[in-house]
């Protein structure tokens, strides 16, 4: 006989607020695409701008917003800044979209 499943402890409002804040930041198609690209490897602003077909300053604004919420971090090599995903939950959002966004369960 399988033991009854117990419900997980409820999340605190502070945790839920942090999650909501991050989800608000990610709730933009360009930012989701940036996360998807940065899951593969580090990229510079110029590389990301070329990939998305956006102006570098628009990409920088998206990246800065995600950095402010500790989703991304930056490494400088000489004068070039390379961005990378540091919040693993952002990658989980992309994986969830891949899994459920195409009608797959």
PDB file of N, CA and C in Angstrom:
ATOM      1  N   UNK A   1       0.843  -1.174   0.000  1.00  0.00           N
ATOM      2  CA  UNK A   1       0.000   0.000   0.000  1.00  0.00           C
ATOM      3  C   UNK A   1       0.891   1.241   0.000  1.00  0.00           C
ATOM      4  N   UNK A   2       0.551   2.209  -0.817  1.00  0.00           N
ATOM      5  CA  UNK A   2       1.302   3.460  -0.915  1.00  0.00           C
ATOM      6  C   UNK A   2       0.883   4.393   0.216  1.00  0.00           C
ATOM      7  N   UNK A   3       1.881   4.986   0.907  1.00  0.00           N
ATOM      8  CA  UNK A   3       1.514   5.917   1.982  1.00  0.00           C
ATOM      9  C   UNK A   3       0.845   7.161   1.406  1.00  0.00           C
ATOM     10  N   UNK A   4      -0.048   7.783   2.178  1.00  0.00           N
ATOM     11  CA  UNK A   4      -0.725   8.991   1.676  1.00  0.00           C
ATOM     12  C   UNK A   4       0.280  10.103   1.423  1.00  0.00           C
ATOM     13  N   UNK A   5       0.018  10.897   0.371  1.00  0.00           N
ATOM     14  CA  UNK A   5       0.889  12.017   0.033  1.00  0.00           C
ATOM     15  C   UNK A   5       0.575  13.180   0.959  1.00  0.00           C
ATOM     16  N   UNK A   6       1.618  13.823   1.413  1.00  0.00           N
ATOM     17  CA  UNK A   6       1.421  14.993   2.258  1.00  0.00           C
ATOM     18  C   UNK A   6       1.669  16.246   1.432  1.00  0.00           C
ATOM     19  N   UNK A   7       0.914  17.261   1.748  1.00  0.00           N
ATOM     20  CA  UNK A   7       1.075  18.535   1.041  1.00  0.00           C
ATOM     21  C   UNK A   7       2.361  19.200   1.498  1.00  0.00           C
ATOM     22  N   UNK A   8       3.081  19.847   0.564  1.00  0.00           N
ATOM     23  CA  UNK A   8       4.284  20.579   0.977  1.00  0.00           C
ATOM     24  C   UNK A   8       3.906  21.755   1.868  1.00  0.00           C
ATOM     25  N   UNK A   9       4.870  22.195   2.639  1.00  0.00           N
ATOM     26  CA  UNK A   9       4.643  23.370   3.484  1.00  0.00           C
ATOM     27  C   UNK A   9       4.282  24.562   2.600  1.00  0.00           C
ATOM     28  N   UNK A  10       3.327  25.369   3.017  1.00  0.00           N
ATOM     29  CA  UNK A  10       2.968  26.546   2.212  1.00  0.00           C
ATOM     30  C   UNK A  10       4.148  27.518   2.107  1.00  0.00           C
ATOM     31  N   UNK A  11       4.241  28.152   0.961  1.00  0.00           N
ATOM     32  CA  UNK A  11       5.289  29.139   0.740  1.00  0.00           C
ATOM     33  C   UNK A  11       4.938  30.432   1.456  1.00  0.00           C
ATOM     34  N   UNK A  12       5.950  31.104   1.966  1.00  0.00           N
ATOM     35  CA  UNK A  12       5.741  32.398   2.614  1.00  0.00           C
ATOM     36  C   UNK A  12       5.480  33.484   1.595  1.00  0.00           C
ATOM     37  N   UNK A  13       4.826  34.528   2.028  1.00  0.00           N
ATOM     38  CA  UNK A  13       4.501  35.632   1.125  1.00  0.00           C
ATOM     39  C   UNK A  13       5.752  36.306   0.577  1.00  0.00           C
ATOM     40  N   UNK A  14       6.831  36.344   1.360  1.00  0.00           N
ATOM     41  CA  UNK A  14       8.064  36.957   0.861  1.00  0.00           C
ATOM     42  C   UNK A  14       8.637  36.157  -0.299  1.00  0.00           C
ATOM     43  N   UNK A  15       8.591  34.842  -0.207  1.00  0.00           N
ATOM     44  CA  UNK A  15       9.072  33.975  -1.290  1.00  0.00           C
ATOM     45  C   UNK A  15       8.185  34.142  -2.514  1.00  0.00           C
ATOM     46  N   UNK A  16       6.889  34.174  -2.318  1.00  0.00           N
ATOM     47  CA  UNK A  16       5.962  34.338  -3.433  1.00  0.00           C
ATOM     48  C   UNK A  16       6.120  35.702  -4.096  1.00  0.00           C
ATOM     49  N   UNK A  17       6.384  36.739  -3.306  1.00  0.00           N
ATOM     50  CA  UNK A  17       6.593  38.076  -3.879  1.00  0.00           C
ATOM     51  C   UNK A  17       7.861  38.105  -4.734  1.00  0.00           C
ATOM     52  N   UNK A  18       8.932  37.484  -4.242  1.00  0.00           N
ATOM     53  CA  UNK A  18      10.170  37.418  -5.028  1.00  0.00           C
ATOM     54  C   UNK A  18       9.931  36.674  -6.333  1.00  0.00           C
ATOM     55  N   UNK A  19       9.213  35.561  -6.267  1.00  0.00           N
ATOM     56  CA  UNK A  19       8.917  34.786  -7.472  1.00  0.00           C
ATOM     57  C   UNK A  19       8.084  35.608  -8.452  1.00  0.00           C
ATOM     58  N   UNK A  20       7.083  36.318  -7.941  1.00  0.00           N
ATOM     59  CA  UNK A  20       6.240  37.146  -8.800  1.00  0.00           C
ATOM     60  C   UNK A  20       7.053  38.249  -9.469  1.00  0.00           C
ATOM     61  N   UNK A  21       7.976  38.847  -8.728  1.00  0.00           N
ATOM     62  CA  UNK A  21       8.820  39.897  -9.298  1.00  0.00           C
ATOM     63  C   UNK A  21       9.678  39.362 -10.444  1.00  0.00           C
ATOM     64  N   UNK A  22      10.269  38.198 -10.245  1.00  0.00           N
ATOM     65  CA  UNK A  22      11.098  37.593 -11.297  1.00  0.00           C
ATOM     66  C   UNK A  22      10.235  37.217 -12.492  1.00  0.00           C
ATOM     67  N   UNK A  23       9.075  36.636 -12.244  1.00  0.00           N
ATOM     68  CA  UNK A  23       8.193  36.252 -13.348  1.00  0.00           C
ATOM     69  C   UNK A  23       7.730  37.474 -14.143  1.00  0.00           C
ATOM     70  N   UNK A  24       7.493  38.595 -13.477  1.00  0.00           N
ATOM     71  CA  UNK A  24       7.126  39.833 -14.181  1.00  0.00           C
ATOM     72  C   UNK A  24       8.244  40.256 -15.125  1.00  0.00           C
ATOM     73  N   UNK A  25       9.476  40.158 -14.655  1.00  0.00           N
ATOM     74  CA  UNK A  25      10.619  40.544 -15.484  1.00  0.00           C
ATOM     75  C   UNK A  25      10.744  39.607 -16.682  1.00  0.00           C
ATOM     76  N   UNK A  26      10.521  38.324 -16.467  1.00  0.00           N
ATOM     77  CA  UNK A  26      10.655  37.353 -17.550  1.00  0.00           C
ATOM     78  C   UNK A  26       9.475  37.373 -18.517  1.00  0.00           C
ATOM     79  N   UNK A  27       8.382  38.002 -18.152  1.00  0.00           N
ATOM     80  CA  UNK A  27       7.161  37.974 -18.952  1.00  0.00           C
ATOM     81  C   UNK A  27       7.248  38.904 -20.153  1.00  0.00           C
ATOM     82  N   UNK A  28       8.263  38.701 -20.960  1.00  0.00           N
ATOM     83  CA  UNK A  28       8.451  39.479 -22.187  1.00  0.00           C
ATOM     84  C   UNK A  28       9.142  38.552 -23.185  1.00  0.00           C
ATOM     85  N   UNK A  29       8.644  38.463 -24.412  1.00  0.00           N
ATOM     86  CA  UNK A  29       9.224  37.506 -25.361  1.00  0.00           C
ATOM     87  C   UNK A  29      10.711  37.716 -25.641  1.00  0.00           C
ATOM     88  N   UNK A  30      11.173  38.964 -25.700  1.00  0.00           N
ATOM     89  CA  UNK A  30      12.599  39.194 -25.949  1.00  0.00           C
ATOM     90  C   UNK A  30      13.446  38.718 -24.767  1.00  0.00           C
ATOM     91  N   UNK A  31      12.965  38.937 -23.558  1.00  0.00           N
ATOM     92  CA  UNK A  31      13.727  38.496 -22.382  1.00  0.00           C
ATOM     93  C   UNK A  31      13.757  36.976 -22.304  1.00  0.00           C
ATOM     94  N   UNK A  32      12.644  36.338 -22.638  1.00  0.00           N
ATOM     95  CA  UNK A  32      12.639  34.868 -22.656  1.00  0.00           C
ATOM     96  C   UNK A  32      13.620  34.343 -23.700  1.00  0.00           C
ATOM     97  N   UNK A  33      13.667  34.982 -24.866  1.00  0.00           N
ATOM     98  CA  UNK A  33      14.611  34.571 -25.909  1.00  0.00           C
ATOM     99  C   UNK A  33      16.050  34.790 -25.438  1.00  0.00           C
ATOM    100  N   UNK A  34      16.300  35.892 -24.750  1.00  0.00           N
ATOM    101  CA  UNK A  34      17.640  36.141 -24.218  1.00  0.00           C
ATOM    102  C   UNK A  34      18.042  35.045 -23.231  1.00  0.00           C
ATOM    103  N   UNK A  35      17.124  34.660 -22.347  1.00  0.00           N
ATOM    104  CA  UNK A  35      17.416  33.579 -21.401  1.00  0.00           C
ATOM    105  C   UNK A  35      17.728  32.302 -22.166  1.00  0.00           C
ATOM    106  N   UNK A  36      16.919  32.005 -23.175  1.00  0.00           N
ATOM    107  CA  UNK A  36      17.136  30.790 -23.966  1.00  0.00           C
ATOM    108  C   UNK A  36      18.536  30.789 -24.599  1.00  0.00           C
ATOM    109  N   UNK A  37      18.940  31.901 -25.162  1.00  0.00           N
ATOM    110  CA  UNK A  37      20.269  31.999 -25.777  1.00  0.00           C
ATOM    111  C   UNK A  37      21.379  31.890 -24.731  1.00  0.00           C
ATOM    112  N   UNK A  38      21.162  32.531 -23.594  1.00  0.00           N
ATOM    113  CA  UNK A  38      22.200  32.546 -22.557  1.00  0.00           C
ATOM    114  C   UNK A  38      22.279  31.232 -21.782  1.00  0.00           C
ATOM    115  N   UNK A  39      21.288  30.368 -21.928  1.00  0.00           N
ATOM    116  CA  UNK A  39      21.370  29.032 -21.324  1.00  0.00           C
ATOM    117  C   UNK A  39      22.437  28.191 -22.029  1.00  0.00           C
ATOM    118  N   UNK A  40      22.671  28.497 -23.291  1.00  0.00           N
ATOM    119  CA  UNK A  40      23.624  27.730 -24.100  1.00  0.00           C
ATOM    120  C   UNK A  40      25.057  28.165 -23.830  1.00  0.00           C
ATOM    121  N   UNK A  41      25.270  29.486 -23.820  1.00  0.00           N
ATOM    122  CA  UNK A  41      26.611  30.029 -23.579  1.00  0.00           C
ATOM    123  C   UNK A  41      26.523  31.512 -23.286  1.00  0.00           C
ATOM    124  N   UNK A  42      27.628  32.070 -22.828  1.00  0.00           N
ATOM    125  CA  UNK A  42      27.716  33.513 -22.578  1.00  0.00           C
ATOM    126  C   UNK A  42      27.701  34.242 -23.917  1.00  0.00           C
ATOM    127  N   UNK A  43      27.100  35.425 -23.910  1.00  0.00           N
ATOM    128  CA  UNK A  43      27.029  36.247 -25.115  1.00  0.00           C
ATOM    129  C   UNK A  43      27.306  37.704 -24.753  1.00  0.00           C
ATOM    130  N   UNK A  44      27.819  38.433 -25.715  1.00  0.00           N
ATOM    131  CA  UNK A  44      27.968  39.886 -25.565  1.00  0.00           C
ATOM    132  C   UNK A  44      26.669  40.553 -26.020  1.00  0.00           C
ATOM    133  N   UNK A  45      26.530  41.823 -25.697  1.00  0.00           N
ATOM    134  CA  UNK A  45      25.341  42.575 -26.116  1.00  0.00           C
ATOM    135  C   UNK A  45      25.224  42.565 -27.627  1.00  0.00           C
ATOM    136  N   UNK A  46      26.335  42.784 -28.310  1.00  0.00           N
ATOM    137  CA  UNK A  46      26.313  42.808 -29.772  1.00  0.00           C
ATOM    138  C   UNK A  46      25.855  41.486 -30.367  1.00  0.00           C
ATOM    139  N   UNK A  47      26.344  40.383 -29.826  1.00  0.00           N
ATOM    140  CA  UNK A  47      25.926  39.066 -30.317  1.00  0.00           C
ATOM    141  C   UNK A  47      24.427  38.866 -30.108  1.00  0.00           C
ATOM    142  N   UNK A  48      23.948  39.253 -28.933  1.00  0.00           N
ATOM    143  CA  UNK A  48      22.528  39.092 -28.629  1.00  0.00           C
ATOM    144  C   UNK A  48      21.666  40.000 -29.507  1.00  0.00           C
ATOM    145  N   UNK A  49      22.131  41.218 -29.731  1.00  0.00           N
ATOM    146  CA  UNK A  49      21.396  42.151 -30.587  1.00  0.00           C
ATOM    147  C   UNK A  49      21.279  41.598 -32.006  1.00  0.00           C
ATOM    148  N   UNK A  50      22.373  41.054 -32.531  1.00  0.00           N
ATOM    149  CA  UNK A  50      22.343  40.460 -33.865  1.00  0.00           C
ATOM    150  C   UNK A  50      21.379  39.275 -33.916  1.00  0.00           C
ATOM    151  N   UNK A  51      21.427  38.437 -32.914  1.00  0.00           N
ATOM    152  CA  UNK A  51      20.584  37.235 -32.867  1.00  0.00           C
ATOM    153  C   UNK A  51      19.094  37.597 -32.821  1.00  0.00           C
ATOM    154  N   UNK A  52      18.752  38.638 -32.060  1.00  0.00           N
ATOM    155  CA  UNK A  52      17.348  39.023 -31.913  1.00  0.00           C
ATOM    156  C   UNK A  52      16.896  40.048 -32.957  1.00  0.00           C
ATOM    157  N   UNK A  53      17.842  40.647 -33.649  1.00  0.00           N
ATOM    158  CA  UNK A  53      17.485  41.675 -34.619  1.00  0.00           C
ATOM    159  C   UNK A  53      17.005  42.962 -33.953  1.00  0.00           C
ATOM    160  N   UNK A  54      17.565  43.240 -32.779  1.00  0.00           N
ATOM    161  CA  UNK A  54      17.211  44.440 -32.017  1.00  0.00           C
ATOM    162  C   UNK A  54      18.418  45.367 -31.929  1.00  0.00           C
ATOM    163  N   UNK A  55      18.153  46.610 -31.598  1.00  0.00           N
ATOM    164  CA  UNK A  55      19.238  47.555 -31.351  1.00  0.00           C
ATOM    165  C   UNK A  55      19.957  47.161 -30.066  1.00  0.00           C
ATOM    166  N   UNK A  56      21.259  47.399 -30.036  1.00  0.00           N
ATOM    167  CA  UNK A  56      22.062  47.039 -28.864  1.00  0.00           C
ATOM    168  C   UNK A  56      21.555  47.724 -27.602  1.00  0.00           C
ATOM    169  N   UNK A  57      21.095  48.974 -27.712  1.00  0.00           N
ATOM    170  CA  UNK A  57      20.619  49.657 -26.509  1.00  0.00           C
ATOM    171  C   UNK A  57      19.334  49.022 -25.965  1.00  0.00           C
ATOM    172  N   UNK A  58      18.477  48.503 -26.840  1.00  0.00           N
ATOM    173  CA  UNK A  58      17.259  47.808 -26.388  1.00  0.00           C
ATOM    174  C   UNK A  58      17.630  46.517 -25.668  1.00  0.00           C
ATOM    175  N   UNK A  59      18.595  45.783 -26.221  1.00  0.00           N
ATOM    176  CA  UNK A  59      19.062  44.549 -25.584  1.00  0.00           C
ATOM    177  C   UNK A  59      19.681  44.871 -24.232  1.00  0.00           C
ATOM    178  N   UNK A  60      20.477  45.925 -24.174  1.00  0.00           N
ATOM    179  CA  UNK A  60      21.101  46.326 -22.910  1.00  0.00           C
ATOM    180  C   UNK A  60      20.061  46.631 -21.843  1.00  0.00           C
ATOM    181  N   UNK A  61      18.981  47.275 -22.227  1.00  0.00           N
ATOM    182  CA  UNK A  61      17.922  47.570 -21.257  1.00  0.00           C
ATOM    183  C   UNK A  61      17.302  46.293 -20.712  1.00  0.00           C
ATOM    184  N   UNK A  62      17.029  45.332 -21.588  1.00  0.00           N
ATOM    185  CA  UNK A  62      16.490  44.045 -21.144  1.00  0.00           C
ATOM    186  C   UNK A  62      17.481  43.341 -20.201  1.00  0.00           C
ATOM    187  N   UNK A  63      18.740  43.312 -20.590  1.00  0.00           N
ATOM    188  CA  UNK A  63      19.763  42.647 -19.774  1.00  0.00           C
ATOM    189  C   UNK A  63      19.910  43.318 -18.415  1.00  0.00           C
ATOM    190  N   UNK A  64      19.919  44.640 -18.407  1.00  0.00           N
ATOM    191  CA  UNK A  64      20.053  45.363 -17.137  1.00  0.00           C
ATOM    192  C   UNK A  64      18.883  45.099 -16.207  1.00  0.00           C
ATOM    193  N   UNK A  65      17.694  44.999 -16.763  1.00  0.00           N
ATOM    194  CA  UNK A  65      16.532  44.703 -15.923  1.00  0.00           C
ATOM    195  C   UNK A  65      16.658  43.303 -15.314  1.00  0.00           C
ATOM    196  N   UNK A  66      17.126  42.356 -16.099  1.00  0.00           N
ATOM    197  CA  UNK A  66      17.295  40.997 -15.573  1.00  0.00           C
ATOM    198  C   UNK A  66      18.458  40.913 -14.586  1.00  0.00           C
ATOM    199  N   UNK A  67      19.493  41.705 -14.810  1.00  0.00           N
ATOM    200  CA  UNK A  67      20.596  41.763 -13.829  1.00  0.00           C
ATOM    201  C   UNK A  67      20.122  42.343 -12.509  1.00  0.00           C
ATOM    202  N   UNK A  68      19.282  43.356 -12.571  1.00  0.00           N
ATOM    203  CA  UNK A  68      18.776  43.994 -11.359  1.00  0.00           C
ATOM    204  C   UNK A  68      17.982  43.017 -10.492  1.00  0.00           C
ATOM    205  N   UNK A  69      17.406  41.997 -11.117  1.00  0.00           N
ATOM    206  CA  UNK A  69      16.646  40.985 -10.385  1.00  0.00           C
ATOM    207  C   UNK A  69      17.457  39.704 -10.169  1.00  0.00           C
ATOM    208  N   UNK A  70      18.764  39.811 -10.367  1.00  0.00           N
ATOM    209  CA  UNK A  70      19.709  38.707 -10.141  1.00  0.00           C
ATOM    210  C   UNK A  70      19.388  37.454 -10.961  1.00  0.00           C
ATOM    211  N   UNK A  71      18.865  37.672 -12.156  1.00  0.00           N
ATOM    212  CA  UNK A  71      18.629  36.571 -13.082  1.00  0.00           C
ATOM    213  C   UNK A  71      19.885  36.341 -13.904  1.00  0.00           C
ATOM    214  N   UNK A  72      20.572  37.410 -14.239  1.00  0.00           N
ATOM    215  CA  UNK A  72      21.798  37.372 -15.042  1.00  0.00           C
ATOM    216  C   UNK A  72      22.942  37.994 -14.272  1.00  0.00           C
ATOM    217  N   UNK A  73      24.140  37.659 -14.740  1.00  0.00           N
ATOM    218  CA  UNK A  73      25.337  38.331 -14.258  1.00  0.00           C
ATOM    219  C   UNK A  73      26.200  38.622 -15.478  1.00  0.00           C
ATOM    220  N   UNK A  74      27.207  39.422 -15.283  1.00  0.00           N
ATOM    221  CA  UNK A  74      28.069  39.835 -16.383  1.00  0.00           C
ATOM    222  C   UNK A  74      29.519  39.553 -16.016  1.00  0.00           C
ATOM    223  N   UNK A  75      30.277  39.132 -17.019  1.00  0.00           N
ATOM    224  CA  UNK A  75      31.732  38.969 -16.888  1.00  0.00           C
ATOM    225  C   UNK A  75      32.376  39.875 -17.917  1.00  0.00           C
ATOM    226  N   UNK A  76      33.371  40.600 -17.499  1.00  0.00           N
ATOM    227  CA  UNK A  76      34.064  41.491 -18.435  1.00  0.00           C
ATOM    228  C   UNK A  76      35.382  40.847 -18.865  1.00  0.00           C
ATOM    229  N   UNK A  77      35.582  40.861 -20.168  1.00  0.00           N
ATOM    230  CA  UNK A  77      36.838  40.404 -20.752  1.00  0.00           C
ATOM    231  C   UNK A  77      37.338  41.562 -21.589  1.00  0.00           C
ATOM    232  N   UNK A  78      38.325  42.266 -21.046  1.00  0.00           N
ATOM    233  CA  UNK A  78      38.762  43.499 -21.694  1.00  0.00           C
ATOM    234  C   UNK A  78      37.632  44.503 -21.644  1.00  0.00           C
ATOM    235  N   UNK A  79      37.249  44.997 -22.806  1.00  0.00           N
ATOM    236  CA  UNK A  79      36.161  45.980 -22.866  1.00  0.00           C
ATOM    237  C   UNK A  79      34.808  45.353 -23.183  1.00  0.00           C
ATOM    238  N   UNK A  80      34.784  44.045 -23.350  1.00  0.00           N
ATOM    239  CA  UNK A  80      33.545  43.371 -23.727  1.00  0.00           C
ATOM    240  C   UNK A  80      32.891  42.727 -22.507  1.00  0.00           C
ATOM    241  N   UNK A  81      31.594  42.929 -22.380  1.00  0.00           N
ATOM    242  CA  UNK A  81      30.813  42.328 -21.297  1.00  0.00           C
ATOM    243  C   UNK A  81      30.087  41.105 -21.849  1.00  0.00           C
ATOM    244  N   UNK A  82      30.217  39.993 -21.151  1.00  0.00           N
ATOM    245  CA  UNK A  82      29.541  38.756 -21.530  1.00  0.00           C
ATOM    246  C   UNK A  82      28.522  38.411 -20.446  1.00  0.00           C
ATOM    247  N   UNK A  83      27.290  38.180 -20.873  1.00  0.00           N
ATOM    248  CA  UNK A  83      26.201  37.912 -19.942  1.00  0.00           C
ATOM    249  C   UNK A  83      25.973  36.408 -19.830  1.00  0.00           C
ATOM    250  N   UNK A  84      25.537  35.995 -18.621  1.00  0.00           N
ATOM    251  CA  UNK A  84      25.236  34.587 -18.373  1.00  0.00           C
ATOM    252  C   UNK A  84      24.081  34.497 -17.391  1.00  0.00           C
ATOM    253  N   UNK A  85      23.345  33.390 -17.460  1.00  0.00           N
ATOM    254  CA  UNK A  85      22.237  33.134 -16.541  1.00  0.00           C
ATOM    255  C   UNK A  85      22.827  32.642 -15.226  1.00  0.00           C
ATOM    256  N   UNK A  86      22.415  33.255 -14.112  1.00  0.00           N
ATOM    257  CA  UNK A  86      22.879  32.812 -12.793  1.00  0.00           C
ATOM    258  C   UNK A  86      21.730  32.307 -11.919  1.00  0.00           C
ATOM    259  N   UNK A  87      20.505  32.569 -12.322  1.00  0.00           N
ATOM    260  CA  UNK A  87      19.351  32.067 -11.580  1.00  0.00           C
ATOM    261  C   UNK A  87      18.839  30.831 -12.318  1.00  0.00           C
ATOM    262  N   UNK A  88      19.054  29.643 -11.746  1.00  0.00           N
ATOM    263  CA  UNK A  88      18.639  28.423 -12.449  1.00  0.00           C
ATOM    264  C   UNK A  88      17.137  28.345 -12.681  1.00  0.00           C
ATOM    265  N   UNK A  89      16.360  29.070 -11.906  1.00  0.00           N
ATOM    266  CA  UNK A  89      14.913  29.036 -12.095  1.00  0.00           C
ATOM    267  C   UNK A  89      14.494  29.696 -13.399  1.00  0.00           C
ATOM    268  N   UNK A  90      15.284  30.634 -13.894  1.00  0.00           N
ATOM    269  CA  UNK A  90      14.983  31.241 -15.191  1.00  0.00           C
ATOM    270  C   UNK A  90      15.076  30.190 -16.289  1.00  0.00           C
ATOM    271  N   UNK A  91      16.085  29.336 -16.205  1.00  0.00           N
ATOM    272  CA  UNK A  91      16.219  28.237 -17.171  1.00  0.00           C
ATOM    273  C   UNK A  91      15.054  27.262 -17.025  1.00  0.00           C
ATOM    274  N   UNK A  92      14.587  27.060 -15.792  1.00  0.00           N
ATOM    275  CA  UNK A  92      13.443  26.172 -15.575  1.00  0.00           C
ATOM    276  C   UNK A  92      12.186  26.715 -16.251  1.00  0.00           C
ATOM    277  N   UNK A  93      12.034  28.033 -16.284  1.00  0.00           N
ATOM    278  CA  UNK A  93      10.887  28.643 -16.963  1.00  0.00           C
ATOM    279  C   UNK A  93      10.933  28.297 -18.450  1.00  0.00           C
ATOM    280  N   UNK A  94      12.113  28.401 -19.050  1.00  0.00           N
ATOM    281  CA  UNK A  94      12.259  28.062 -20.475  1.00  0.00           C
ATOM    282  C   UNK A  94      11.944  26.582 -20.698  1.00  0.00           C
ATOM    283  N   UNK A  95      12.452  25.721 -19.833  1.00  0.00           N
ATOM    284  CA  UNK A  95      12.171  24.290 -19.973  1.00  0.00           C
ATOM    285  C   UNK A  95      10.675  24.003 -19.840  1.00  0.00           C
ATOM    286  N   UNK A  96      10.017  24.698 -18.943  1.00  0.00           N
ATOM    287  CA  UNK A  96       8.571  24.546 -18.762  1.00  0.00           C
ATOM    288  C   UNK A  96       7.829  24.987 -20.022  1.00  0.00           C
ATOM    289  N   UNK A  97       8.244  26.099 -20.603  1.00  0.00           N
ATOM    290  CA  UNK A  97       7.627  26.579 -21.840  1.00  0.00           C
ATOM    291  C   UNK A  97       7.830  25.562 -22.951  1.00  0.00           C
ATOM    292  N   UNK A  98       9.043  25.032 -23.055  1.00  0.00           N
ATOM    293  CA  UNK A  98       9.320  24.013 -24.082  1.00  0.00           C
ATOM    294  C   UNK A  98       8.408  22.797 -23.892  1.00  0.00           C
ATOM    295  N   UNK A  99       8.273  22.379 -22.649  1.00  0.00           N
ATOM    296  CA  UNK A  99       7.494  21.176 -22.366  1.00  0.00           C
ATOM    297  C   UNK A  99       6.005  21.394 -22.580  1.00  0.00           C
ATOM    298  N   UNK A 100       5.485  22.520 -22.100  1.00  0.00           N
ATOM    299  CA  UNK A 100       4.046  22.736 -22.117  1.00  0.00           C
ATOM    300  C   UNK A 100       3.579  23.675 -23.219  1.00  0.00           C
ATOM    301  N   UNK A 101       4.484  24.427 -23.790  1.00  0.00           N
ATOM    302  CA  UNK A 101       4.100  25.389 -24.813  1.00  0.00           C
ATOM    303  C   UNK A 101       3.809  24.789 -26.173  1.00  0.00           C
ATOM    304  N   UNK A 102       4.160  23.524 -26.356  1.00  0.00           N
ATOM    305  CA  UNK A 102       3.940  22.866 -27.645  1.00  0.00           C
ATOM    306  C   UNK A 102       2.873  21.787 -27.537  1.00  0.00           C
ATOM    307  N   UNK A 103       2.042  21.858 -26.501  1.00  0.00           N
ATOM    308  CA  UNK A 103       0.986  20.871 -26.341  1.00  0.00           C
ATOM    309  C   UNK A 103       1.468  19.537 -25.833  1.00  0.00           C
ATOM    310  N   UNK A 104       2.704  19.501 -25.313  1.00  0.00           N
ATOM    311  CA  UNK A 104       3.262  18.270 -24.781  1.00  0.00           C
ATOM    312  C   UNK A 104       3.103  18.276 -23.270  1.00  0.00           C
ATOM    313  N   UNK A 105       2.810  17.139 -22.701  1.00  0.00           N
ATOM    314  CA  UNK A 105       2.710  17.035 -21.244  1.00  0.00           C
ATOM    315  C   UNK A 105       3.780  16.124 -20.706  1.00  0.00           C
TER     316      UNK A 105
END
